[in-house]
Protein backbone atom coordinates (compact mmCIF):
# COMPACT_ATOMS: atom_id res chain seq x y z
CA MET A 1 27.85 18.71 -0.34
CA PRO A 2 28.13 19.74 -3.99
CA LEU A 3 25.14 21.73 -5.17
CA ARG A 4 24.56 22.61 -8.81
CA LEU A 5 21.74 24.37 -10.61
CA ARG A 6 20.82 23.08 -14.04
CA GLY A 7 22.19 25.18 -16.89
CA LYS A 8 24.79 27.93 -16.86
CA LYS A 9 24.48 30.96 -14.63
CA LYS A 10 23.89 34.16 -16.59
CA ALA A 11 25.27 37.55 -15.69
CA LYS A 12 22.83 39.65 -13.66
CA PRO A 13 21.22 42.54 -15.54
CA LYS A 14 21.33 45.95 -13.86
CA GLU A 15 17.68 45.86 -12.83
CA THR A 16 18.24 42.68 -10.80
CA ALA A 17 21.40 43.81 -9.05
CA GLY A 18 19.62 43.86 -5.69
CA LEU A 19 18.85 40.13 -5.74
CA VAL A 20 20.84 37.56 -3.81
CA ALA A 21 23.65 36.13 -5.92
CA GLY A 22 22.43 33.15 -7.92
CA GLU A 23 18.71 33.87 -7.30
CA PRO A 24 16.75 32.93 -10.46
CA THR A 25 14.75 35.66 -12.21
CA GLY A 26 11.90 35.73 -14.67
CA ALA A 27 11.91 37.20 -18.16
CA GLY A 28 11.08 40.66 -16.85
CA GLY A 29 13.70 40.58 -14.11
CA GLU A 30 11.28 39.59 -11.33
CA SER A 31 12.36 36.99 -8.78
CA LEU A 32 10.95 33.50 -9.29
CA SER A 33 9.06 31.89 -6.42
CA ALA A 34 10.56 28.92 -4.62
CA SER A 35 8.19 26.59 -6.46
CA GLN A 36 9.47 27.91 -9.82
CA ALA A 37 13.16 27.71 -8.93
CA PRO A 38 15.21 24.90 -10.52
CA PRO A 39 15.48 21.82 -8.24
CA ARG A 40 18.67 21.26 -6.29
CA ARG A 41 20.93 18.58 -7.66
CA LEU A 42 22.22 16.50 -4.77
CA VAL A 43 25.53 14.70 -5.26
CA PHE A 44 26.86 12.15 -2.76
CA HIS A 45 30.27 10.48 -2.53
CA ALA A 46 30.76 6.74 -2.11
CA GLN A 47 33.47 4.11 -1.76
CA LEU A 48 33.52 0.33 -1.56
CA ALA A 49 34.01 -0.51 2.12
CA HIS A 50 36.92 -2.89 1.50
CA GLY A 51 38.79 -0.15 -0.38
CA SER A 52 38.35 1.75 -3.63
CA ALA A 53 38.57 5.13 -5.26
CA THR A 54 35.78 7.63 -4.54
CA GLY A 55 32.73 7.63 -6.79
CA ARG A 56 29.86 10.09 -7.19
CA VAL A 57 26.17 9.13 -7.07
CA GLU A 58 23.17 11.33 -7.74
CA GLY A 59 19.62 11.40 -9.06
CA PHE A 60 18.22 8.47 -7.03
CA SER A 61 14.93 8.27 -5.14
CA SER A 62 15.08 4.79 -3.59
CA ILE A 63 17.55 2.32 -2.12
CA GLN A 64 17.32 0.23 -5.29
CA GLU A 65 18.19 3.22 -7.48
CA LEU A 66 21.05 4.16 -5.14
CA TYR A 67 22.52 0.65 -5.38
CA ALA A 68 22.29 0.85 -9.17
CA GLN A 69 24.14 4.19 -9.09
CA ILE A 70 26.88 2.79 -6.83
CA ALA A 71 27.21 -0.32 -9.00
CA GLY A 72 27.58 1.83 -12.10
CA ALA A 73 30.22 4.02 -10.46
CA PHE A 74 32.37 0.99 -9.58
CA GLU A 75 31.47 -1.25 -12.55
CA ILE A 76 29.94 -4.05 -10.48
CA SER A 77 26.52 -5.68 -10.46
CA PRO A 78 23.94 -4.16 -8.07
CA SER A 79 23.36 -7.70 -6.76
CA GLU A 80 26.90 -7.67 -5.34
CA ILE A 81 25.99 -4.97 -2.79
CA LEU A 82 24.86 -6.36 0.57
CA TYR A 83 24.23 -3.06 2.37
CA CYS A 84 25.74 0.37 2.97
CA THR A 85 27.05 2.16 6.04
CA LEU A 86 27.33 5.90 6.48
CA ASN A 87 30.58 7.72 7.29
CA THR A 88 32.47 4.54 8.20
CA PRO A 89 33.77 1.56 6.19
CA ARG A 90 33.39 -0.69 9.24
CA ILE A 91 30.55 -3.17 9.69
CA ASP A 92 28.79 -0.88 12.14
CA MET A 93 25.11 -1.73 12.49
CA GLY A 94 24.51 1.62 14.13
CA ARG A 95 25.54 3.37 10.91
CA LEU A 96 23.43 1.38 8.43
CA LEU A 97 21.88 3.25 5.54
CA GLY A 98 18.10 3.09 5.88
CA GLY A 99 15.36 5.27 4.51
CA GLN A 100 17.13 8.53 5.35
CA LEU A 101 20.45 9.88 4.14
CA GLY A 102 22.08 12.97 5.62
CA LEU A 103 23.00 15.54 2.99
CA GLU A 104 26.62 15.48 4.20
CA ASP A 105 26.87 11.68 4.58
CA PHE A 106 29.60 9.65 2.88
CA ILE A 107 28.40 6.23 1.67
CA PHE A 108 30.38 2.99 2.02
CA ALA A 109 29.06 -0.03 0.10
CA HIS A 110 29.73 -3.50 1.52
CA VAL A 111 29.87 -6.15 -1.20
CA LYS A 112 29.73 -9.95 -1.21
CA GLY A 113 32.78 -11.76 0.10
CA ILE A 114 33.35 -15.29 1.38
CA LYS A 115 30.51 -17.83 1.30
CA LYS A 116 30.13 -20.23 4.21
CA GLU A 117 27.81 -23.03 5.29
CA VAL A 118 27.10 -23.53 8.99
CA ASN A 119 25.25 -26.25 10.90
CA VAL A 120 23.40 -24.99 13.97
CA TYR A 121 21.89 -27.03 16.79
CA LYS A 122 18.85 -25.18 18.11
CA SER A 123 19.22 -25.93 21.81
CA GLU A 124 16.91 -23.08 22.88
CA ASP A 125 13.63 -21.64 21.61
CA SER A 126 15.40 -18.38 20.80
CA LEU A 127 18.55 -18.30 18.71
CA GLY A 128 19.58 -14.94 20.15
CA VAL A 129 19.86 -13.18 16.80
CA THR A 130 18.26 -10.05 15.33
CA ILE A 131 17.60 -9.79 11.60
CA THR A 132 17.33 -6.76 9.34
CA ASP A 133 17.48 -6.31 5.56
CA ASN A 134 18.80 -3.90 2.96
CA GLY A 135 15.41 -3.08 1.46
CA VAL A 136 16.13 -4.85 -1.84
CA GLY A 137 16.02 -8.52 -0.91
CA TYR A 138 19.04 -9.31 1.26
CA ALA A 139 18.43 -10.18 4.92
CA PHE A 140 21.41 -10.13 7.25
CA ILE A 141 22.36 -10.42 10.90
CA LYS A 142 22.21 -7.13 12.76
CA ARG A 143 22.77 -8.27 16.34
CA ILE A 144 23.92 -11.41 18.15
CA LYS A 145 22.91 -11.77 21.79
CA ASP A 146 25.69 -12.60 24.23
CA GLY A 147 25.41 -16.19 25.44
CA GLY A 148 22.79 -17.14 22.84
CA VAL A 149 22.83 -20.11 20.49
CA ILE A 150 24.29 -18.16 17.57
CA ASP A 151 26.88 -16.51 19.83
CA SER A 152 28.45 -19.92 20.44
CA ILE A 153 29.18 -20.34 16.71
CA LYS A 154 32.07 -18.01 16.02
CA THR A 155 31.92 -18.41 12.24
CA ILE A 156 28.58 -16.54 12.23
CA CYS A 157 29.14 -12.79 12.44
CA VAL A 158 27.18 -9.57 12.58
CA GLY A 159 26.77 -8.34 9.01
CA ASP A 160 26.54 -11.81 7.44
CA HIS A 161 23.89 -12.13 4.73
CA ILE A 162 21.64 -15.20 5.15
CA GLU A 163 21.31 -16.78 1.72
CA SER A 164 19.44 -19.98 2.57
CA ILE A 165 18.00 -21.96 5.50
CA ASN A 166 17.88 -25.76 5.26
CA GLY A 167 18.43 -25.52 1.52
CA GLU A 168 15.59 -23.02 0.95
CA ASN A 169 16.79 -19.89 -0.84
CA ILE A 170 15.54 -16.83 1.04
CA VAL A 171 16.96 -14.11 -1.21
CA GLY A 172 14.13 -11.65 -1.73
CA TRP A 173 12.55 -12.29 1.68
CA ARG A 174 11.91 -9.43 4.09
CA HIS A 175 13.56 -9.49 7.51
CA TYR A 176 10.35 -10.40 9.36
CA ASP A 177 9.84 -13.47 7.14
CA VAL A 178 13.40 -14.64 7.81
CA ALA A 179 13.01 -14.05 11.57
CA LYS A 180 9.74 -16.01 11.53
CA LYS A 181 11.38 -18.88 9.64
CA LEU A 182 14.18 -19.12 12.21
CA LYS A 183 11.73 -18.90 15.11
CA GLU A 184 9.59 -21.73 13.70
CA LEU A 185 12.52 -24.16 13.42
CA LYS A 186 12.05 -27.02 15.87
CA LYS A 187 13.96 -26.97 19.14
CA GLU A 188 16.67 -29.59 19.70
CA GLU A 189 17.16 -30.13 15.99
CA LEU A 190 20.03 -29.34 13.64
CA PHE A 191 19.56 -26.90 10.76
CA THR A 192 21.84 -25.47 8.09
CA MET A 193 22.40 -21.89 6.98
CA LYS A 194 24.33 -20.63 3.98
CA LEU A 195 25.82 -17.22 4.66
CA ILE A 196 27.82 -14.62 2.75
CA GLU A 197 30.06 -12.29 4.71
CA PRO A 198 30.96 -8.84 3.37
CA LYS A 199 34.29 -8.52 1.60
CA LYS A 200 37.04 -7.23 3.85
CA ALA A 201 40.43 -5.68 3.16
CA PHE A 202 43.54 -6.96 4.91
CA GLU A 203 44.29 -3.39 5.82
CA ILE A 204 41.92 -0.50 5.33
CA GLU A 205 43.66 2.73 4.44
CA PRO A 206 42.53 5.83 6.36
CA ARG A 207 39.71 7.56 4.52
CA SER A 208 38.69 11.16 4.77
CA LYS A 209 36.34 13.39 2.85
CA ALA A 210 37.83 15.75 0.37
CA GLY A 211 37.56 19.28 1.65
CA LYS A 212 34.64 21.27 0.30
CA SER A 213 34.36 24.99 -0.04
CA SER A 214 31.48 26.71 1.69
CA ALA A 215 29.89 27.34 -1.71
CA GLU A 216 29.65 23.59 -2.31
CA LYS A 217 27.90 22.81 0.96
CA ILE A 218 24.16 22.80 1.33
CA GLY A 219 23.13 25.36 3.89
CA CYS A 220 20.77 23.12 5.88
CA GLY A 221 23.17 21.01 7.93
CA ARG A 222 20.36 19.21 9.78
CA ALA A 223 18.54 18.09 6.63
CA THR A 224 18.25 14.55 5.29
CA LEU A 225 17.23 12.96 2.01
CA ARG A 226 14.23 10.67 2.66
CA LEU A 227 14.22 7.71 0.27
CA ARG A 228 10.82 6.22 -0.57
CA SER A 229 9.70 2.97 -2.15
CA LYS A 230 7.04 4.94 -4.04
CA GLY A 231 7.34 8.52 -5.23
CA PRO A 232 10.32 10.87 -5.36
CA ALA A 233 12.85 11.35 -2.58
CA THR A 234 12.35 14.46 -0.47
CA VAL A 235 14.63 16.67 1.61
CA GLU A 236 13.42 16.83 5.21
CA GLU A 237 14.64 18.27 8.48
CA MET A 238 16.33 15.92 10.93
CA PRO A 239 13.87 14.61 13.55
CA SER A 240 13.83 16.24 16.97
CA GLU A 241 15.61 14.51 19.83
CA THR A 242 12.25 13.43 21.29
CA LYS A 243 11.10 11.94 17.99
CA ALA A 244 14.45 10.21 17.40
CA LYS A 245 14.32 8.58 20.85
CA ALA A 246 10.73 7.46 20.27
CA ILE A 247 11.65 5.85 16.94
CA GLU A 248 14.56 4.05 18.61
CA LYS A 249 12.20 2.72 21.32
CA ILE A 250 9.74 1.51 18.66
CA ASP A 251 12.67 -0.27 17.01
CA ASP A 252 13.37 -1.93 20.38
CA VAL A 253 9.74 -3.12 20.52
CA LEU A 254 10.08 -4.53 16.99
CA GLU A 255 13.13 -6.48 18.10
CA LEU A 256 11.39 -7.77 21.22
CA TYR A 257 8.25 -9.00 19.43
CA MET A 258 9.53 -9.87 15.95
CA GLY A 259 13.29 -10.33 16.17
CA ILE A 260 13.97 -7.55 13.65
CA ARG A 261 15.30 -4.01 13.67
CA ASP A 262 14.17 -1.54 11.01
CA THR A 263 14.46 2.20 11.61
CA ASP A 264 12.45 3.03 8.50
CA LEU A 265 9.59 0.77 9.61
CA ALA A 266 9.72 2.28 13.11
CA THR A 267 9.58 5.77 11.57
CA THR A 268 6.54 4.82 9.48
CA MET A 269 4.78 3.55 12.60
CA PHE A 270 5.58 6.74 14.49
CA GLU A 271 4.24 8.88 11.65
CA ALA A 272 1.06 6.77 11.55
CA GLY A 273 0.38 7.40 15.23
CA LYS A 274 1.63 10.89 16.03
CA ASP A 275 -1.69 12.60 15.23
CA LYS A 276 -3.99 9.87 16.61
CA VAL A 277 -5.87 10.38 19.88
CA ASN A 278 -6.30 6.78 21.08
CA PRO A 279 -4.93 3.27 20.45
CA ASP A 280 -7.99 2.24 18.40
CA GLU A 281 -7.34 5.01 15.87
CA PHE A 282 -3.68 4.04 15.83
CA ALA A 283 -4.53 0.37 15.20
CA VAL A 284 -6.74 1.35 12.25
CA ALA A 285 -3.94 3.53 10.85
CA LEU A 286 -1.44 0.68 11.20
CA ASP A 287 -3.77 -1.72 9.39
CA ALA A 288 -4.18 0.79 6.57
CA THR A 289 -0.44 1.44 6.26
CA LEU A 290 1.16 -1.85 7.31
CA GLY A 291 -1.68 -4.37 7.19
CA ASP A 292 0.51 -7.18 5.87
CA PHE A 293 2.29 -7.42 9.22
CA ALA A 294 -0.83 -8.34 11.25
CA PHE A 295 0.66 -6.93 14.46
CA PRO A 296 -0.71 -8.45 17.71
CA ASP A 297 -2.71 -6.19 20.06
CA GLU A 298 0.02 -6.28 22.72
CA PHE A 299 2.54 -4.96 20.23
CA VAL A 300 0.22 -2.16 19.10
CA PHE A 301 -0.40 -1.06 22.71
CA ASP A 302 3.33 -1.03 23.49
CA VAL A 303 4.10 1.09 20.42
CA TRP A 304 1.19 3.41 21.23
CA GLY A 305 2.65 3.86 24.71
CA VAL A 306 5.97 4.97 23.21
CA ILE A 307 4.22 7.45 20.89
CA GLY A 308 2.08 8.75 23.76
CA ASP A 309 5.16 9.39 25.90
CA ALA A 310 6.77 11.30 23.04
CA LYS A 311 3.65 13.43 22.51
CA ARG A 312 3.55 14.33 26.20
CA ARG A 313 7.17 15.48 26.00
CA GLY A 314 6.37 17.60 22.96
CA LEU A 315 7.37 16.87 19.38
């Protein structure tokens, strides 16, 4: 990944010849501390998933800022971007960009394509669909259960953005609100959804990263850029295998109880509970961090069980 320090590199004076190449020095030749060193400038590469040239994006701290950067690179409106996948142009829900971005990841932006309107007869209480969102107002279908109501309608696909339900525009809704809306629709009645599928190419040309010299790569291969809704983005180490599995299990619990999948939300819940000693403390922490969700007690206990198992295995 390209890495650049701000300003031009000056030749080393004789008295600093023993320093590591590129290490910043003070006015008297002394080495600057890590806190005084210029910040790293992270540059990522991106393409439109249906085919485009490669663009460069940098200087973002949130998903919204990233979308604005991508839109600027390709001269489109940020509102055209439905979601992004990492290291593949395919509609792969396992590769969705969430709150963390690997420092070596290549970004593919999926933009709005064909609009469609579908009538659905809700023959069962559950539609057999899992909802997620892109973090900036677009909810879309992440999973379709085999044999479910939605599975029988072949025009509805994984990756489709849900624009409206029964004429009510839901752009700007979070995934849990959309899932709740679908769940509350009456059984044995017909309802209408307007969807937008991502734009697809007739034939996607093979894509590969341009080769990078070792000097351009960041030395911490297991690091990620953590995007935050508030505050600056931070570079963090990749989670341990135990933590990653626990977060995935919490995501499974979210899907079971709420019909959504959200790795960033699952990560926030894990972080809220990892240093708590009992479920009561965890429930208080959840209310303080995610009080708007009003999670039921059964859900809290199930998530606490996942966190407890992870703590016993060692984080």
